[in-house]
């Protein structure tokens, strides 16, 4: 019965993330980040027996990084995002979420005019898509072309 309270805490954290997403869409990035950080603290407490590579924690940190990108605090956001990418690779995952991380990093490097980095992350994203047999007309492919 020990697992039950934890499940509640994780759903509370999930609610905070949803509230953060609303703030994010309203361009209230500070408030969104606060909610994401609160959620992250709770997730870390609950998932203590896991480590920082747990996908729930990675996604919340990803959201936090996006708030920094939106505020043009690119370095701060990139530090988090690169760490999320490292941890994601540690997990050995090769999935669509990995593509999303690469594409989000890509967009920042584009803004910073760092073409070599853009190419690296696009190539990495392409590789993951090929390994997942993603067809050319998939949503993520559209994202890639937009870049």
N, C-alpha and C. Protein backbone atom coordinates (compact mmCIF):
# COMPACT_ATOMS: atom_id res chain seq x y z
N UNK A 1 0.82 -1.21 0.00
CA UNK A 1 0.00 0.00 0.00
C UNK A 1 0.86 1.27 0.00
N UNK A 2 2.15 1.06 0.11
CA UNK A 2 3.07 2.19 0.18
C UNK A 2 3.09 3.02 -1.10
N UNK A 3 2.81 2.37 -2.22
CA UNK A 3 2.92 3.05 -3.52
C UNK A 3 1.81 4.09 -3.74
N UNK A 4 0.68 3.90 -3.09
CA UNK A 4 -0.47 4.76 -3.37
C UNK A 4 -0.26 6.25 -3.12
N UNK A 5 0.25 6.63 -1.93
CA UNK A 5 0.43 8.07 -1.71
C UNK A 5 1.36 8.68 -2.76
N UNK A 6 2.36 7.90 -3.18
CA UNK A 6 3.28 8.39 -4.20
C UNK A 6 2.56 8.68 -5.50
N UNK A 7 1.63 7.78 -5.82
CA UNK A 7 0.89 7.98 -7.06
C UNK A 7 0.13 9.31 -7.01
N UNK A 8 -0.43 9.61 -5.85
CA UNK A 8 -1.14 10.88 -5.69
C UNK A 8 -0.20 12.07 -5.87
N UNK A 9 0.98 11.96 -5.27
CA UNK A 9 1.94 13.05 -5.39
C UNK A 9 2.33 13.28 -6.84
N UNK A 10 2.50 12.19 -7.57
CA UNK A 10 2.86 12.34 -8.99
C UNK A 10 1.73 12.97 -9.78
N UNK A 11 0.49 12.67 -9.40
CA UNK A 11 -0.61 13.30 -10.15
C UNK A 11 -0.77 14.77 -9.75
N UNK A 12 -0.42 15.11 -8.51
CA UNK A 12 -0.39 16.53 -8.12
C UNK A 12 0.67 17.25 -8.96
N UNK A 13 1.85 16.63 -9.06
CA UNK A 13 2.93 17.20 -9.87
C UNK A 13 2.47 17.38 -11.32
N UNK A 14 1.75 16.38 -11.82
CA UNK A 14 1.25 16.44 -13.20
C UNK A 14 0.27 17.60 -13.36
N UNK A 15 -0.56 17.83 -12.34
CA UNK A 15 -1.48 18.98 -12.38
C UNK A 15 -0.71 20.29 -12.45
N UNK A 16 0.35 20.39 -11.67
CA UNK A 16 1.17 21.62 -11.69
C UNK A 16 1.77 21.84 -13.08
N UNK A 17 2.17 20.74 -13.70
CA UNK A 17 2.74 20.85 -15.04
C UNK A 17 1.68 21.34 -16.02
N UNK A 18 0.47 20.78 -15.90
CA UNK A 18 -0.63 21.24 -16.77
C UNK A 18 -0.90 22.74 -16.55
N UNK A 19 -0.90 23.15 -15.29
CA UNK A 19 -1.10 24.58 -14.99
C UNK A 19 0.06 25.39 -15.57
N UNK A 20 1.25 24.85 -15.46
CA UNK A 20 2.43 25.50 -16.04
C UNK A 20 2.29 25.65 -17.55
N UNK A 21 1.74 24.62 -18.19
CA UNK A 21 1.56 24.66 -19.64
C UNK A 21 0.60 25.77 -20.05
N UNK A 22 -0.43 25.97 -19.23
CA UNK A 22 -1.39 27.05 -19.50
C UNK A 22 -0.66 28.40 -19.42
N UNK A 23 0.11 28.58 -18.35
CA UNK A 23 0.89 29.81 -18.19
C UNK A 23 1.85 30.00 -19.36
N UNK A 24 2.48 28.91 -19.77
CA UNK A 24 3.43 28.94 -20.87
C UNK A 24 2.76 29.46 -22.14
N UNK A 25 1.57 28.90 -22.42
CA UNK A 25 0.84 29.34 -23.62
C UNK A 25 0.42 30.80 -23.52
N UNK A 26 0.25 31.28 -22.29
CA UNK A 26 -0.11 32.70 -22.09
C UNK A 26 1.14 33.58 -22.04
N UNK A 27 2.28 32.97 -22.35
CA UNK A 27 3.57 33.68 -22.37
C UNK A 27 3.99 34.18 -20.99
N UNK A 28 3.49 33.54 -19.95
CA UNK A 28 3.90 33.88 -18.58
C UNK A 28 4.96 32.87 -18.15
N UNK A 29 6.15 33.06 -18.70
CA UNK A 29 7.18 32.02 -18.58
C UNK A 29 7.72 31.87 -17.16
N UNK A 30 7.79 32.99 -16.44
CA UNK A 30 8.25 32.96 -15.05
C UNK A 30 7.35 32.08 -14.19
N UNK A 31 6.04 32.34 -14.32
CA UNK A 31 5.06 31.59 -13.54
C UNK A 31 5.07 30.12 -13.96
N UNK A 32 5.20 29.89 -15.25
CA UNK A 32 5.24 28.51 -15.75
C UNK A 32 6.43 27.79 -15.13
N UNK A 33 7.57 28.46 -15.14
CA UNK A 33 8.80 27.83 -14.62
C UNK A 33 8.66 27.50 -13.13
N UNK A 34 8.01 28.40 -12.41
CA UNK A 34 7.80 28.16 -10.98
C UNK A 34 6.98 26.88 -10.75
N UNK A 35 5.93 26.74 -11.53
CA UNK A 35 5.08 25.54 -11.43
C UNK A 35 5.86 24.29 -11.83
N UNK A 36 6.63 24.39 -12.91
CA UNK A 36 7.43 23.25 -13.35
C UNK A 36 8.45 22.86 -12.28
N UNK A 37 9.07 23.88 -11.65
CA UNK A 37 10.07 23.61 -10.62
C UNK A 37 9.44 22.93 -9.39
N UNK A 38 8.24 23.40 -9.02
CA UNK A 38 7.53 22.76 -7.90
C UNK A 38 7.24 21.29 -8.23
N UNK A 39 6.78 21.08 -9.46
CA UNK A 39 6.48 19.72 -9.91
C UNK A 39 7.75 18.87 -9.87
N UNK A 40 8.84 19.45 -10.34
CA UNK A 40 10.11 18.73 -10.40
C UNK A 40 10.57 18.31 -9.00
N UNK A 41 10.43 19.20 -8.04
CA UNK A 41 10.82 18.87 -6.67
C UNK A 41 10.02 17.69 -6.13
N UNK A 42 8.73 17.72 -6.40
CA UNK A 42 7.88 16.63 -5.93
C UNK A 42 8.22 15.33 -6.65
N UNK A 43 8.45 15.41 -7.96
CA UNK A 43 8.81 14.22 -8.73
C UNK A 43 10.12 13.62 -8.22
N UNK A 44 11.07 14.50 -7.94
CA UNK A 44 12.37 14.01 -7.44
C UNK A 44 12.20 13.31 -6.09
N UNK A 45 11.34 13.86 -5.26
CA UNK A 45 11.10 13.28 -3.94
C UNK A 45 10.50 11.87 -4.09
N UNK A 46 9.52 11.77 -4.97
CA UNK A 46 8.80 10.50 -5.16
C UNK A 46 9.68 9.47 -5.87
N UNK A 47 10.45 9.95 -6.84
CA UNK A 47 11.22 9.02 -7.68
C UNK A 47 12.65 8.89 -7.18
N UNK A 48 12.82 9.11 -5.91
CA UNK A 48 14.14 9.10 -5.28
C UNK A 48 14.91 7.81 -5.58
N UNK A 49 14.17 6.69 -5.57
CA UNK A 49 14.84 5.40 -5.78
C UNK A 49 15.25 5.23 -7.24
N UNK A 50 14.71 6.09 -8.13
CA UNK A 50 15.20 6.11 -9.51
C UNK A 50 16.36 7.08 -9.50
N UNK A 51 16.74 7.52 -10.66
CA UNK A 51 17.76 8.57 -10.68
C UNK A 51 17.27 9.67 -11.59
N UNK A 52 18.18 10.56 -11.90
CA UNK A 52 17.81 11.72 -12.71
C UNK A 52 17.46 11.36 -14.15
N UNK A 53 17.66 10.11 -14.53
CA UNK A 53 17.35 9.75 -15.92
C UNK A 53 15.89 9.32 -16.10
N UNK A 54 15.11 9.33 -15.03
CA UNK A 54 13.69 8.95 -15.16
C UNK A 54 12.99 9.87 -16.16
N UNK A 55 12.21 9.29 -17.04
CA UNK A 55 11.64 10.08 -18.14
C UNK A 55 10.72 11.21 -17.63
N UNK A 56 10.03 10.99 -16.52
CA UNK A 56 9.16 12.04 -15.98
C UNK A 56 10.00 13.27 -15.59
N UNK A 57 11.14 13.01 -14.96
CA UNK A 57 12.02 14.11 -14.55
C UNK A 57 12.62 14.80 -15.77
N UNK A 58 13.02 14.03 -16.76
CA UNK A 58 13.61 14.61 -17.98
C UNK A 58 12.61 15.55 -18.66
N UNK A 59 11.36 15.11 -18.75
CA UNK A 59 10.37 15.93 -19.45
C UNK A 59 10.08 17.24 -18.71
N UNK A 60 10.07 17.17 -17.39
CA UNK A 60 9.84 18.40 -16.62
C UNK A 60 11.01 19.35 -16.77
N UNK A 61 12.21 18.82 -16.74
CA UNK A 61 13.39 19.68 -16.92
C UNK A 61 13.41 20.27 -18.33
N UNK A 62 12.95 19.51 -19.29
CA UNK A 62 12.83 19.97 -20.67
C UNK A 62 11.88 21.19 -20.72
N UNK A 63 10.74 21.05 -20.03
CA UNK A 63 9.78 22.17 -19.98
C UNK A 63 10.42 23.42 -19.36
N UNK A 64 11.21 23.21 -18.32
CA UNK A 64 11.89 24.34 -17.66
C UNK A 64 12.85 25.01 -18.64
N UNK A 65 13.60 24.19 -19.38
CA UNK A 65 14.53 24.73 -20.38
C UNK A 65 13.79 25.58 -21.42
N UNK A 66 12.62 25.11 -21.84
CA UNK A 66 11.85 25.85 -22.85
C UNK A 66 11.45 27.23 -22.34
N UNK A 67 11.16 27.35 -21.04
CA UNK A 67 10.79 28.68 -20.51
C UNK A 67 11.99 29.62 -20.62
N UNK A 68 13.19 29.10 -20.40
CA UNK A 68 14.39 29.94 -20.55
C UNK A 68 14.59 30.35 -22.01
N UNK A 69 14.36 29.41 -22.93
CA UNK A 69 14.51 29.73 -24.35
C UNK A 69 13.57 30.87 -24.73
N UNK A 70 12.33 30.78 -24.25
CA UNK A 70 11.33 31.78 -24.60
C UNK A 70 11.74 33.16 -24.06
N UNK A 71 12.47 33.17 -22.96
CA UNK A 71 12.92 34.44 -22.39
C UNK A 71 14.29 34.85 -22.94
N UNK A 72 14.71 34.15 -23.97
CA UNK A 72 16.01 34.39 -24.61
C UNK A 72 17.19 34.17 -23.67
N UNK A 73 16.98 33.38 -22.63
CA UNK A 73 18.11 33.00 -21.76
C UNK A 73 18.65 31.68 -22.30
N UNK A 74 19.25 31.80 -23.50
CA UNK A 74 19.59 30.59 -24.25
C UNK A 74 20.61 29.70 -23.54
N UNK A 75 21.64 30.33 -22.95
CA UNK A 75 22.68 29.52 -22.29
C UNK A 75 22.10 28.70 -21.16
N UNK A 76 21.27 29.35 -20.34
CA UNK A 76 20.64 28.66 -19.21
C UNK A 76 19.81 27.48 -19.70
N UNK A 77 19.01 27.74 -20.72
CA UNK A 77 18.16 26.69 -21.28
C UNK A 77 18.97 25.57 -21.90
N UNK A 78 20.04 25.95 -22.61
CA UNK A 78 20.86 24.94 -23.28
C UNK A 78 21.58 24.04 -22.27
N UNK A 79 22.03 24.63 -21.17
CA UNK A 79 22.70 23.82 -20.14
C UNK A 79 21.78 22.69 -19.69
N UNK A 80 20.52 23.07 -19.41
CA UNK A 80 19.55 22.07 -18.96
C UNK A 80 19.27 21.06 -20.08
N UNK A 81 19.04 21.59 -21.28
CA UNK A 81 18.63 20.75 -22.40
C UNK A 81 19.73 19.76 -22.78
N UNK A 82 20.98 20.21 -22.75
CA UNK A 82 22.08 19.31 -23.09
C UNK A 82 22.20 18.20 -22.05
N UNK A 83 21.94 18.56 -20.80
CA UNK A 83 22.00 17.56 -19.73
C UNK A 83 20.85 16.56 -19.89
N UNK A 84 19.67 17.07 -20.24
CA UNK A 84 18.52 16.19 -20.49
C UNK A 84 18.87 15.22 -21.63
N UNK A 85 19.52 15.75 -22.66
CA UNK A 85 19.92 14.92 -23.80
C UNK A 85 20.90 13.82 -23.37
N UNK A 86 21.90 14.21 -22.59
CA UNK A 86 22.88 13.23 -22.07
C UNK A 86 22.19 12.12 -21.29
N UNK A 87 21.29 12.52 -20.38
CA UNK A 87 20.61 11.55 -19.53
C UNK A 87 19.70 10.64 -20.36
N UNK A 88 19.09 11.24 -21.36
CA UNK A 88 18.22 10.48 -22.26
C UNK A 88 19.05 9.41 -22.98
N UNK A 89 20.25 9.80 -23.40
CA UNK A 89 21.13 8.84 -24.10
C UNK A 89 21.60 7.76 -23.13
N UNK A 90 21.85 8.14 -21.89
CA UNK A 90 22.25 7.16 -20.87
C UNK A 90 21.21 6.06 -20.74
N UNK A 91 19.96 6.46 -20.89
CA UNK A 91 18.85 5.49 -20.79
C UNK A 91 18.87 4.51 -21.96
N UNK A 92 19.57 4.89 -23.01
CA UNK A 92 19.61 4.04 -24.20
C UNK A 92 18.33 4.13 -25.02
N UNK A 93 17.53 5.15 -24.75
CA UNK A 93 16.28 5.32 -25.50
C UNK A 93 16.57 5.87 -26.89
N UNK A 94 15.85 5.34 -27.84
CA UNK A 94 15.95 5.88 -29.19
C UNK A 94 14.52 6.03 -29.68
N UNK A 95 13.88 7.13 -29.28
CA UNK A 95 12.45 7.27 -29.58
C UNK A 95 12.14 8.70 -30.05
N UNK A 96 10.88 8.95 -30.25
CA UNK A 96 10.48 10.27 -30.77
C UNK A 96 10.79 11.40 -29.81
N UNK A 97 10.77 11.11 -28.52
CA UNK A 97 11.07 12.17 -27.57
C UNK A 97 12.52 12.64 -27.75
N UNK A 98 13.40 11.71 -28.10
CA UNK A 98 14.79 12.05 -28.37
C UNK A 98 14.86 13.01 -29.57
N UNK A 99 14.03 12.77 -30.57
CA UNK A 99 13.97 13.65 -31.74
C UNK A 99 13.56 15.06 -31.30
N UNK A 100 12.56 15.12 -30.44
CA UNK A 100 12.06 16.43 -29.98
C UNK A 100 13.16 17.21 -29.26
N UNK A 101 13.93 16.53 -28.43
CA UNK A 101 15.03 17.20 -27.72
C UNK A 101 16.00 17.80 -28.74
N UNK A 102 16.40 16.98 -29.72
CA UNK A 102 17.33 17.46 -30.74
C UNK A 102 16.76 18.67 -31.51
N UNK A 103 15.48 18.59 -31.85
CA UNK A 103 14.88 19.68 -32.64
C UNK A 103 14.75 20.97 -31.82
N UNK A 104 14.43 20.83 -30.54
CA UNK A 104 14.34 22.03 -29.69
C UNK A 104 15.71 22.68 -29.53
N UNK A 105 16.74 21.87 -29.39
CA UNK A 105 18.11 22.40 -29.30
C UNK A 105 18.48 23.07 -30.63
N UNK A 106 18.09 22.44 -31.71
CA UNK A 106 18.32 22.97 -33.06
C UNK A 106 17.81 24.40 -33.21
N UNK A 107 16.59 24.60 -32.76
CA UNK A 107 15.97 25.91 -32.93
C UNK A 107 16.73 26.99 -32.20
N UNK A 108 17.30 26.63 -31.04
CA UNK A 108 18.08 27.61 -30.29
C UNK A 108 19.38 27.92 -31.02
N UNK A 109 20.05 26.87 -31.50
CA UNK A 109 21.30 27.10 -32.23
C UNK A 109 21.04 27.91 -33.50
N UNK A 110 19.87 27.73 -34.10
CA UNK A 110 19.51 28.53 -35.27
C UNK A 110 19.47 30.01 -34.89
N UNK A 111 18.79 30.31 -33.77
CA UNK A 111 18.70 31.70 -33.31
C UNK A 111 20.07 32.26 -32.99
N UNK A 112 20.95 31.38 -32.50
CA UNK A 112 22.30 31.83 -32.15
C UNK A 112 23.25 31.78 -33.36
N UNK A 113 22.69 31.43 -34.52
CA UNK A 113 23.46 31.35 -35.77
C UNK A 113 24.63 30.36 -35.67
N UNK A 114 24.42 29.28 -34.93
CA UNK A 114 25.49 28.28 -34.82
C UNK A 114 25.18 27.13 -35.76
N UNK A 115 25.56 27.33 -37.02
CA UNK A 115 25.13 26.42 -38.08
C UNK A 115 25.66 25.00 -37.91
N UNK A 116 26.90 24.87 -37.47
CA UNK A 116 27.48 23.53 -37.32
C UNK A 116 26.68 22.74 -36.29
N UNK A 117 26.31 23.41 -35.19
CA UNK A 117 25.53 22.74 -34.15
C UNK A 117 24.14 22.38 -34.66
N UNK A 118 23.55 23.27 -35.44
CA UNK A 118 22.23 22.99 -36.03
C UNK A 118 22.32 21.72 -36.85
N UNK A 119 23.35 21.64 -37.70
CA UNK A 119 23.51 20.47 -38.58
C UNK A 119 23.70 19.19 -37.77
N UNK A 120 24.51 19.29 -36.72
CA UNK A 120 24.76 18.10 -35.88
C UNK A 120 23.46 17.56 -35.30
N UNK A 121 22.66 18.46 -34.74
CA UNK A 121 21.44 18.02 -34.08
C UNK A 121 20.37 17.57 -35.08
N UNK A 122 20.36 18.20 -36.25
CA UNK A 122 19.44 17.75 -37.30
C UNK A 122 19.82 16.35 -37.76
N UNK A 123 21.13 16.13 -37.92
CA UNK A 123 21.60 14.82 -38.36
C UNK A 123 21.23 13.77 -37.31
N UNK A 124 21.42 14.12 -36.04
CA UNK A 124 21.09 13.19 -34.95
C UNK A 124 19.59 12.88 -34.96
N UNK A 125 18.77 13.93 -35.14
CA UNK A 125 17.31 13.74 -35.18
C UNK A 125 16.93 12.83 -36.35
N UNK A 126 17.56 13.06 -37.50
CA UNK A 126 17.27 12.25 -38.69
C UNK A 126 17.58 10.78 -38.45
N UNK A 127 18.72 10.56 -37.79
CA UNK A 127 19.15 9.20 -37.51
C UNK A 127 18.12 8.47 -36.64
N UNK A 128 17.66 9.15 -35.60
CA UNK A 128 16.66 8.54 -34.70
C UNK A 128 15.38 8.24 -35.48
N UNK A 129 15.00 9.16 -36.37
CA UNK A 129 13.78 8.94 -37.14
C UNK A 129 13.93 7.74 -38.06
N UNK A 130 15.11 7.63 -38.68
CA UNK A 130 15.34 6.46 -39.55
C UNK A 130 15.27 5.18 -38.74
N UNK A 131 15.90 5.19 -37.55
CA UNK A 131 15.90 3.98 -36.73
C UNK A 131 14.49 3.62 -36.27
N UNK A 132 13.62 4.61 -36.20
CA UNK A 132 12.23 4.35 -35.81
C UNK A 132 11.32 4.17 -37.02
N UNK A 133 11.94 4.13 -38.19
CA UNK A 133 11.18 3.98 -39.44
C UNK A 133 10.05 5.00 -39.57
N UNK A 134 10.37 6.24 -39.29
CA UNK A 134 9.35 7.28 -39.36
C UNK A 134 9.21 7.72 -40.82
N UNK A 135 8.01 7.71 -41.33
CA UNK A 135 7.81 8.11 -42.73
C UNK A 135 8.06 9.62 -42.92
N UNK A 136 8.38 9.98 -44.13
CA UNK A 136 8.69 11.38 -44.47
C UNK A 136 7.58 12.35 -44.08
N UNK A 137 6.33 11.89 -44.11
CA UNK A 137 5.22 12.83 -43.89
C UNK A 137 4.80 12.91 -42.42
N UNK A 138 5.57 12.32 -41.53
CA UNK A 138 5.23 12.35 -40.11
C UNK A 138 5.38 13.77 -39.56
N UNK A 139 4.62 14.07 -38.52
CA UNK A 139 4.66 15.39 -37.89
C UNK A 139 6.08 15.88 -37.62
N UNK A 140 6.92 15.03 -37.07
CA UNK A 140 8.28 15.46 -36.73
C UNK A 140 9.08 15.81 -37.98
N UNK A 141 8.80 15.11 -39.06
CA UNK A 141 9.46 15.42 -40.32
C UNK A 141 9.08 16.83 -40.76
N UNK A 142 7.81 17.15 -40.57
CA UNK A 142 7.34 18.52 -40.89
C UNK A 142 8.09 19.54 -40.07
N UNK A 143 8.27 19.24 -38.79
CA UNK A 143 9.00 20.13 -37.88
C UNK A 143 10.41 20.35 -38.42
N UNK A 144 11.00 19.24 -38.86
CA UNK A 144 12.38 19.31 -39.32
C UNK A 144 12.50 20.20 -40.55
N UNK A 145 11.54 20.04 -41.47
CA UNK A 145 11.58 20.85 -42.69
C UNK A 145 11.38 22.32 -42.40
N UNK A 146 10.54 22.61 -41.41
CA UNK A 146 10.29 24.01 -41.04
C UNK A 146 11.59 24.70 -40.65
N UNK A 147 12.45 23.96 -40.00
CA UNK A 147 13.75 24.51 -39.60
C UNK A 147 14.53 24.78 -40.87
